[in-house]
Amino acid sequence: MTSTCIEADQVYVACNPRDLGRRIRIVSYTPGHSHAFIVDADTGKRCRWVQVSQLHATATTRYGKPRTTGYVRETTAPEPAPAEPWSVQRDHHSRAFAWQWICTATVERQLQDPTTCPDRGPARSEADARRAAERHATSAHRYTAPEAGR
Protein backbone atom coordinates (compact mmCIF):
# COMPACT_ATOMS: atom_id res chain seq x y z
CA MET A 1 0.00 0.00 0.00
CA THR A 2 1.30 3.44 -0.80
CA SER A 3 1.77 5.87 2.02
CA THR A 4 -0.51 8.49 0.38
CA CYS A 5 -3.56 6.29 1.10
CA ILE A 6 -3.01 6.14 4.85
CA GLU A 7 -4.82 8.82 6.86
CA ALA A 8 -5.86 9.43 10.44
CA ASP A 9 -9.11 7.78 11.61
CA GLN A 10 -8.96 4.95 9.07
CA VAL A 11 -9.95 1.57 10.51
CA TYR A 12 -8.15 -1.67 9.65
CA VAL A 13 -9.06 -5.29 10.46
CA ALA A 14 -6.55 -8.06 11.27
CA CYS A 15 -6.02 -10.51 8.38
CA ASN A 16 -5.02 -13.39 10.65
CA PRO A 17 -8.14 -15.45 11.35
CA ARG A 18 -6.85 -16.25 14.85
CA ASP A 19 -7.12 -12.54 15.76
CA LEU A 20 -10.93 -12.82 15.52
CA GLY A 21 -11.38 -9.59 13.55
CA ARG A 22 -9.29 -7.33 15.79
CA ARG A 23 -9.71 -3.73 14.61
CA ILE A 24 -7.21 -0.88 14.80
CA ARG A 25 -7.56 2.83 14.08
CA ILE A 26 -4.85 5.10 12.69
CA VAL A 27 -4.21 7.98 15.11
CA SER A 28 -1.45 9.69 13.19
CA TYR A 29 0.76 9.09 10.19
CA THR A 30 3.32 11.27 8.46
CA PRO A 31 3.53 10.52 4.70
CA GLY A 32 6.83 8.91 3.83
CA HIS A 33 7.45 7.43 7.30
CA SER A 34 7.70 3.70 7.84
CA HIS A 35 5.42 3.56 10.90
CA ALA A 36 1.94 4.77 11.85
CA PHE A 37 0.64 5.39 15.36
CA ILE A 38 -2.44 3.26 16.13
CA VAL A 39 -4.91 2.34 18.87
CA ASP A 40 -7.58 -0.34 19.23
CA ALA A 41 -10.56 0.85 17.18
CA ASP A 42 -13.17 -0.36 19.65
CA THR A 43 -11.62 0.74 22.95
CA GLY A 44 -9.19 3.52 21.99
CA LYS A 45 -6.56 1.87 24.21
CA ARG A 46 -3.22 0.13 23.56
CA CYS A 47 -1.38 2.97 21.80
CA ARG A 48 1.45 1.60 19.68
CA TRP A 49 3.35 1.86 16.41
CA VAL A 50 2.78 -0.43 13.42
CA GLN A 51 4.83 -0.72 10.24
CA VAL A 52 3.14 0.78 7.21
CA SER A 53 4.02 -2.37 5.24
CA GLN A 54 1.54 -4.24 7.46
CA LEU A 55 -1.39 -2.06 6.28
CA HIS A 56 -2.97 -3.44 3.10
CA ALA A 57 -5.62 -2.11 0.73
CA THR A 58 -7.10 -5.53 -0.14
CA ALA A 59 -7.63 -8.80 1.72
CA THR A 60 -5.90 -10.80 -1.02
CA THR A 61 -2.34 -10.88 -2.29
CA ARG A 62 -1.51 -9.95 -5.86
CA TYR A 63 -1.72 -13.68 -6.65
CA GLY A 64 -5.29 -13.93 -5.33
CA LYS A 65 -4.52 -15.76 -2.08
CA PRO A 66 -6.09 -14.51 1.17
CA ARG A 67 -3.72 -12.53 3.39
CA THR A 68 -2.81 -14.09 6.75
CA THR A 69 -0.64 -11.30 8.15
CA GLY A 70 -1.07 -7.59 8.64
CA TYR A 71 -4.23 -5.53 8.52
CA VAL A 72 -6.65 -4.77 5.70
CA ARG A 73 -8.56 -1.51 5.42
CA GLU A 74 -12.16 -1.82 6.55
CA THR A 75 -14.65 -0.64 3.99
CA THR A 76 -18.24 0.35 4.61
CA ALA A 77 -19.49 -0.49 1.11
CA PRO A 78 -18.71 -3.75 -0.66
CA GLU A 79 -16.59 -3.58 -3.79
CA PRO A 80 -18.79 -3.37 -6.88
CA ALA A 81 -19.05 -6.57 -8.88
CA PRO A 82 -18.09 -6.38 -12.53
CA ALA A 83 -21.03 -5.88 -14.89
CA GLU A 84 -20.14 -9.05 -16.77
CA PRO A 85 -18.26 -12.02 -15.27
CA TRP A 86 -15.96 -12.28 -18.28
CA SER A 87 -13.55 -10.31 -20.41
CA VAL A 88 -12.95 -10.39 -24.15
CA GLN A 89 -9.46 -9.78 -25.50
CA ARG A 90 -7.47 -9.96 -28.71
CA ASP A 91 -5.37 -13.09 -29.02
CA HIS A 92 -2.18 -12.04 -30.81
CA HIS A 93 -0.80 -15.58 -30.90
CA SER A 94 -3.44 -17.15 -33.14
CA ARG A 95 -4.26 -16.29 -36.74
CA ALA A 96 -7.40 -18.41 -37.04
CA PHE A 97 -8.92 -17.30 -33.72
CA ALA A 98 -8.11 -13.62 -33.26
CA TRP A 99 -10.24 -13.23 -30.11
CA GLN A 100 -10.57 -15.03 -26.80
CA TRP A 101 -12.94 -14.86 -23.84
CA ILE A 102 -11.83 -15.33 -20.24
CA CYS A 103 -14.22 -16.09 -17.38
CA THR A 104 -13.62 -13.88 -14.33
CA ALA A 105 -16.41 -15.25 -12.13
CA THR A 106 -15.59 -16.22 -8.54
CA VAL A 107 -16.23 -19.90 -7.86
CA GLU A 108 -16.99 -21.25 -4.37
CA ARG A 109 -15.74 -24.80 -3.88
CA GLN A 110 -16.50 -27.06 -0.96
CA LEU A 111 -13.71 -27.06 1.66
CA GLN A 112 -11.56 -24.75 -0.50
CA ASP A 113 -11.00 -21.04 -0.77
CA PRO A 114 -13.00 -19.14 -3.42
CA THR A 115 -11.13 -18.92 -6.69
CA THR A 116 -11.56 -17.52 -10.19
CA CYS A 117 -13.12 -19.77 -12.82
CA PRO A 118 -10.31 -21.11 -15.06
CA ASP A 119 -12.43 -21.39 -18.23
CA ARG A 120 -11.52 -19.53 -21.40
CA GLY A 121 -11.96 -20.09 -25.10
CA PRO A 122 -11.05 -18.91 -28.59
CA ALA A 123 -13.34 -17.10 -31.04
CA ARG A 124 -13.12 -15.80 -34.59
CA SER A 125 -14.70 -12.42 -33.83
CA GLU A 126 -15.34 -10.19 -30.85
CA ALA A 127 -19.09 -10.82 -31.09
CA ASP A 128 -18.52 -14.60 -31.12
CA ALA A 129 -16.31 -14.29 -28.04
CA ARG A 130 -19.00 -12.31 -26.18
CA ARG A 131 -21.69 -14.85 -27.10
CA ALA A 132 -19.51 -17.79 -26.01
CA ALA A 133 -18.61 -16.08 -22.73
CA GLU A 134 -22.27 -15.31 -21.99
CA ARG A 135 -23.25 -18.90 -22.84
CA HIS A 136 -20.59 -20.20 -20.44
CA ALA A 137 -21.59 -17.78 -17.65
CA THR A 138 -25.27 -18.65 -18.07
CA SER A 139 -24.75 -22.40 -17.97
CA ALA A 140 -21.88 -22.68 -15.47
CA HIS A 141 -22.55 -19.76 -13.12
CA ARG A 142 -26.30 -19.11 -13.59
CA TYR A 143 -25.55 -15.58 -14.80
CA THR A 144 -28.50 -13.48 -15.93
CA ALA A 145 -27.87 -10.35 -17.93
CA PRO A 146 -29.19 -7.11 -16.41
CA GLU A 147 -32.34 -5.81 -18.07
CA ALA A 148 -31.84 -3.14 -20.70
CA GLY A 149 -33.15 0.28 -19.78
CA ARG A 150 -32.28 0.09 -16.07
C-alpha atoms as a PDB file:
ATOM      1  CA  MET A   1       0.000   0.000   0.000  1.00  0.00           C
ATOM      2  CA  THR A   2       1.303   3.444  -0.796  1.00  0.00           C
ATOM      3  CA  SER A   3       1.767   5.874   2.025  1.00  0.00           C
ATOM      4  CA  THR A   4      -0.506   8.492   0.384  1.00  0.00           C
ATOM      5  CA  CYS A   5      -3.560   6.289   1.100  1.00  0.00           C
ATOM      6  CA  ILE A   6      -3.014   6.139   4.852  1.00  0.00           C
ATOM      7  CA  GLU A   7      -4.817   8.825   6.857  1.00  0.00           C
ATOM      8  CA  ALA A   8      -5.858   9.428  10.438  1.00  0.00           C
ATOM      9  CA  ASP A   9      -9.107   7.781  11.611  1.00  0.00           C
ATOM     10  CA  GLN A  10      -8.960   4.952   9.068  1.00  0.00           C
ATOM     11  CA  VAL A  11      -9.947   1.567  10.514  1.00  0.00           C
ATOM     12  CA  TYR A  12      -8.147  -1.671   9.655  1.00  0.00           C
ATOM     13  CA  VAL A  13      -9.057  -5.294  10.464  1.00  0.00           C
ATOM     14  CA  ALA A  14      -6.551  -8.060  11.268  1.00  0.00           C
ATOM     15  CA  CYS A  15      -6.022 -10.509   8.377  1.00  0.00           C
ATOM     16  CA  ASN A  16      -5.017 -13.389  10.648  1.00  0.00           C
ATOM     17  CA  PRO A  17      -8.144 -15.454  11.348  1.00  0.00           C
ATOM     18  CA  ARG A  18      -6.850 -16.254  14.855  1.00  0.00           C
ATOM     19  CA  ASP A  19      -7.117 -12.544  15.756  1.00  0.00           C
ATOM     20  CA  LEU A  20     -10.930 -12.818  15.516  1.00  0.00           C
ATOM     21  CA  GLY A  21     -11.376  -9.592  13.553  1.00  0.00           C
ATOM     22  CA  ARG A  22      -9.295  -7.326  15.789  1.00  0.00           C
ATOM     23  CA  ARG A  23      -9.709  -3.733  14.605  1.00  0.00           C
ATOM     24  CA  ILE A  24      -7.207  -0.882  14.803  1.00  0.00           C
ATOM     25  CA  ARG A  25      -7.556   2.834  14.083  1.00  0.00           C
ATOM     26  CA  ILE A  26      -4.849   5.104  12.691  1.00  0.00           C
ATOM     27  CA  VAL A  27      -4.213   7.977  15.107  1.00  0.00           C
ATOM     28  CA  SER A  28      -1.446   9.690  13.185  1.00  0.00           C
ATOM     29  CA  TYR A  29       0.761   9.086  10.188  1.00  0.00           C
ATOM     30  CA  THR A  30       3.318  11.267   8.456  1.00  0.00           C
ATOM     31  CA  PRO A  31       3.526  10.522   4.704  1.00  0.00           C
ATOM     32  CA  GLY A  32       6.826   8.907   3.832  1.00  0.00           C
ATOM     33  CA  HIS A  33       7.449   7.434   7.297  1.00  0.00           C
ATOM     34  CA  SER A  34       7.700   3.699   7.841  1.00  0.00           C
ATOM     35  CA  HIS A  35       5.418   3.558  10.901  1.00  0.00           C
ATOM     36  CA  ALA A  36       1.943   4.766  11.849  1.00  0.00           C
ATOM     37  CA  PHE A  37       0.642   5.390  15.358  1.00  0.00           C
ATOM     38  CA  ILE A  38      -2.438   3.261  16.125  1.00  0.00           C
ATOM     39  CA  VAL A  39      -4.910   2.335  18.869  1.00  0.00           C
ATOM     40  CA  ASP A  40      -7.585  -0.341  19.228  1.00  0.00           C
ATOM     41  CA  ALA A  41     -10.559   0.847  17.180  1.00  0.00           C
ATOM     42  CA  ASP A  42     -13.167  -0.359  19.655  1.00  0.00           C
ATOM     43  CA  THR A  43     -11.617   0.744  22.945  1.00  0.00           C
ATOM     44  CA  GLY A  44      -9.189   3.517  21.988  1.00  0.00           C
ATOM     45  CA  LYS A  45      -6.561   1.873  24.209  1.00  0.00           C
ATOM     46  CA  ARG A  46      -3.219   0.133  23.558  1.00  0.00           C
ATOM     47  CA  CYS A  47      -1.379   2.967  21.805  1.00  0.00           C
ATOM     48  CA  ARG A  48       1.447   1.596  19.681  1.00  0.00           C
ATOM     49  CA  TRP A  49       3.350   1.859  16.412  1.00  0.00           C
ATOM     50  CA  VAL A  50       2.776  -0.426  13.415  1.00  0.00           C
ATOM     51  CA  GLN A  51       4.832  -0.724  10.243  1.00  0.00           C
ATOM     52  CA  VAL A  52       3.141   0.783   7.209  1.00  0.00           C
ATOM     53  CA  SER A  53       4.023  -2.366   5.236  1.00  0.00           C
ATOM     54  CA  GLN A  54       1.541  -4.243   7.461  1.00  0.00           C
ATOM     55  CA  LEU A  55      -1.388  -2.061   6.280  1.00  0.00           C
ATOM     56  CA  HIS A  56      -2.973  -3.442   3.100  1.00  0.00           C
ATOM     57  CA  ALA A  57      -5.621  -2.106   0.732  1.00  0.00           C
ATOM     58  CA  THR A  58      -7.095  -5.531  -0.140  1.00  0.00           C
ATOM     59  CA  ALA A  59      -7.634  -8.796   1.720  1.00  0.00           C
ATOM     60  CA  THR A  60      -5.898 -10.801  -1.023  1.00  0.00           C
ATOM     61  CA  THR A  61      -2.335 -10.875  -2.288  1.00  0.00           C
ATOM     62  CA  ARG A  62      -1.512  -9.950  -5.863  1.00  0.00           C
ATOM     63  CA  TYR A  63      -1.716 -13.677  -6.651  1.00  0.00           C
ATOM     64  CA  GLY A  64      -5.288 -13.928  -5.335  1.00  0.00           C
ATOM     65  CA  LYS A  65      -4.524 -15.759  -2.081  1.00  0.00           C
ATOM     66  CA  PRO A  66      -6.086 -14.511   1.169  1.00  0.00           C
ATOM     67  CA  ARG A  67      -3.723 -12.532   3.387  1.00  0.00           C
ATOM     68  CA  THR A  68      -2.813 -14.086   6.747  1.00  0.00           C
ATOM     69  CA  THR A  69      -0.640 -11.300   8.151  1.00  0.00           C
ATOM     70  CA  GLY A  70      -1.069  -7.593   8.645  1.00  0.00           C
ATOM     71  CA  TYR A  71      -4.231  -5.526   8.523  1.00  0.00           C
ATOM     72  CA  VAL A  72      -6.650  -4.772   5.697  1.00  0.00           C
ATOM     73  CA  ARG A  73      -8.561  -1.513   5.423  1.00  0.00           C
ATOM     74  CA  GLU A  74     -12.163  -1.822   6.551  1.00  0.00           C
ATOM     75  CA  THR A  75     -14.654  -0.635   3.986  1.00  0.00           C
ATOM     76  CA  THR A  76     -18.237   0.345   4.612  1.00  0.00           C
ATOM     77  CA  ALA A  77     -19.487  -0.485   1.114  1.00  0.00           C
ATOM     78  CA  PRO A  78     -18.712  -3.754  -0.657  1.00  0.00           C
ATOM     79  CA  GLU A  79     -16.591  -3.576  -3.785  1.00  0.00           C
ATOM     80  CA  PRO A  80     -18.794  -3.370  -6.884  1.00  0.00           C
ATOM     81  CA  ALA A  81     -19.048  -6.566  -8.881  1.00  0.00           C
ATOM     82  CA  PRO A  82     -18.089  -6.384 -12.534  1.00  0.00           C
ATOM     83  CA  ALA A  83     -21.026  -5.879 -14.887  1.00  0.00           C
ATOM     84  CA  GLU A  84     -20.141  -9.054 -16.768  1.00  0.00           C
ATOM     85  CA  PRO A  85     -18.265 -12.016 -15.266  1.00  0.00           C
ATOM     86  CA  TRP A  86     -15.963 -12.285 -18.283  1.00  0.00           C
ATOM     87  CA  SER A  87     -13.554 -10.308 -20.411  1.00  0.00           C
ATOM     88  CA  VAL A  88     -12.950 -10.387 -24.154  1.00  0.00           C
ATOM     89  CA  GLN A  89      -9.457  -9.783 -25.495  1.00  0.00           C
ATOM     90  CA  ARG A  90      -7.474  -9.958 -28.709  1.00  0.00           C
ATOM     91  CA  ASP A  91      -5.368 -13.093 -29.022  1.00  0.00           C
ATOM     92  CA  HIS A  92      -2.185 -12.038 -30.806  1.00  0.00           C
ATOM     93  CA  HIS A  93      -0.798 -15.576 -30.900  1.00  0.00           C
ATOM     94  CA  SER A  94      -3.438 -17.151 -33.144  1.00  0.00           C
ATOM     95  CA  ARG A  95      -4.263 -16.286 -36.739  1.00  0.00           C
ATOM     96  CA  ALA A  96      -7.402 -18.410 -37.040  1.00  0.00           C
ATOM     97  CA  PHE A  97      -8.917 -17.296 -33.719  1.00  0.00           C
ATOM     98  CA  ALA A  98      -8.111 -13.625 -33.261  1.00  0.00           C
ATOM     99  CA  TRP A  99     -10.237 -13.229 -30.111  1.00  0.00           C
ATOM    100  CA  GLN A 100     -10.570 -15.035 -26.796  1.00  0.00           C
ATOM    101  CA  TRP A 101     -12.938 -14.857 -23.842  1.00  0.00           C
ATOM    102  CA  ILE A 102     -11.830 -15.332 -20.240  1.00  0.00           C
ATOM    103  CA  CYS A 103     -14.220 -16.090 -17.384  1.00  0.00           C
ATOM    104  CA  THR A 104     -13.618 -13.881 -14.334  1.00  0.00           C
ATOM    105  CA  ALA A 105     -16.409 -15.247 -12.129  1.00  0.00           C
ATOM    106  CA  THR A 106     -15.589 -16.222  -8.543  1.00  0.00           C
ATOM    107  CA  VAL A 107     -16.232 -19.902  -7.856  1.00  0.00           C
ATOM    108  CA  GLU A 108     -16.990 -21.251  -4.370  1.00  0.00           C
ATOM    109  CA  ARG A 109     -15.740 -24.804  -3.880  1.00  0.00           C
ATOM    110  CA  GLN A 110     -16.501 -27.057  -0.963  1.00  0.00           C
ATOM    111  CA  LEU A 111     -13.712 -27.057   1.658  1.00  0.00           C
ATOM    112  CA  GLN A 112     -11.558 -24.751  -0.503  1.00  0.00           C
ATOM    113  CA  ASP A 113     -11.000 -21.036  -0.771  1.00  0.00           C
ATOM    114  CA  PRO A 114     -12.998 -19.141  -3.416  1.00  0.00           C
ATOM    115  CA  THR A 115     -11.127 -18.915  -6.692  1.00  0.00           C
ATOM    116  CA  THR A 116     -11.563 -17.523 -10.191  1.00  0.00           C
ATOM    117  CA  CYS A 117     -13.122 -19.773 -12.825  1.00  0.00           C
ATOM    118  CA  PRO A 118     -10.314 -21.112 -15.058  1.00  0.00           C
ATOM    119  CA  ASP A 119     -12.435 -21.395 -18.229  1.00  0.00           C
ATOM    120  CA  ARG A 120     -11.524 -19.526 -21.398  1.00  0.00           C
ATOM    121  CA  GLY A 121     -11.958 -20.093 -25.101  1.00  0.00           C
ATOM    122  CA  PRO A 122     -11.050 -18.910 -28.592  1.00  0.00           C
ATOM    123  CA  ALA A 123     -13.339 -17.104 -31.039  1.00  0.00           C
ATOM    124  CA  ARG A 124     -13.119 -15.796 -34.586  1.00  0.00           C
ATOM    125  CA  SER A 125     -14.699 -12.417 -33.827  1.00  0.00           C
ATOM    126  CA  GLU A 126     -15.342 -10.187 -30.845  1.00  0.00           C
ATOM    127  CA  ALA A 127     -19.094 -10.822 -31.086  1.00  0.00           C
ATOM    128  CA  ASP A 128     -18.523 -14.604 -31.115  1.00  0.00           C
ATOM    129  CA  ALA A 129     -16.308 -14.293 -28.037  1.00  0.00           C
ATOM    130  CA  ARG A 130     -19.002 -12.313 -26.176  1.00  0.00           C
ATOM    131  CA  ARG A 131     -21.688 -14.848 -27.097  1.00  0.00           C
ATOM    132  CA  ALA A 132     -19.514 -17.787 -26.011  1.00  0.00           C
ATOM    133  CA  ALA A 133     -18.615 -16.078 -22.730  1.00  0.00           C
ATOM    134  CA  GLU A 134     -22.267 -15.306 -21.995  1.00  0.00           C
ATOM    135  CA  ARG A 135     -23.249 -18.901 -22.840  1.00  0.00           C
ATOM    136  CA  HIS A 136     -20.593 -20.197 -20.436  1.00  0.00           C
ATOM    137  CA  ALA A 137     -21.591 -17.780 -17.654  1.00  0.00           C
ATOM    138  CA  THR A 138     -25.270 -18.649 -18.067  1.00  0.00           C
ATOM    139  CA  SER A 139     -24.750 -22.401 -17.965  1.00  0.00           C
ATOM    140  CA  ALA A 140     -21.876 -22.678 -15.470  1.00  0.00           C
ATOM    141  CA  HIS A 141     -22.549 -19.761 -13.123  1.00  0.00           C
ATOM    142  CA  ARG A 142     -26.303 -19.114 -13.591  1.00  0.00           C
ATOM    143  CA  TYR A 143     -25.549 -15.580 -14.799  1.00  0.00           C
ATOM    144  CA  THR A 144     -28.504 -13.477 -15.925  1.00  0.00           C
ATOM    145  CA  ALA A 145     -27.867 -10.349 -17.926  1.00  0.00           C
ATOM    146  CA  PRO A 146     -29.193  -7.113 -16.412  1.00  0.00           C
ATOM    147  CA  GLU A 147     -32.345  -5.808 -18.065  1.00  0.00           C
ATOM    148  CA  ALA A 148     -31.838  -3.144 -20.704  1.00  0.00           C
ATOM    149  CA  GLY A 149     -33.145   0.276 -19.778  1.00  0.00           C
ATOM    150  CA  ARG A 150     -32.276   0.088 -16.070  1.00  0.00           C
END
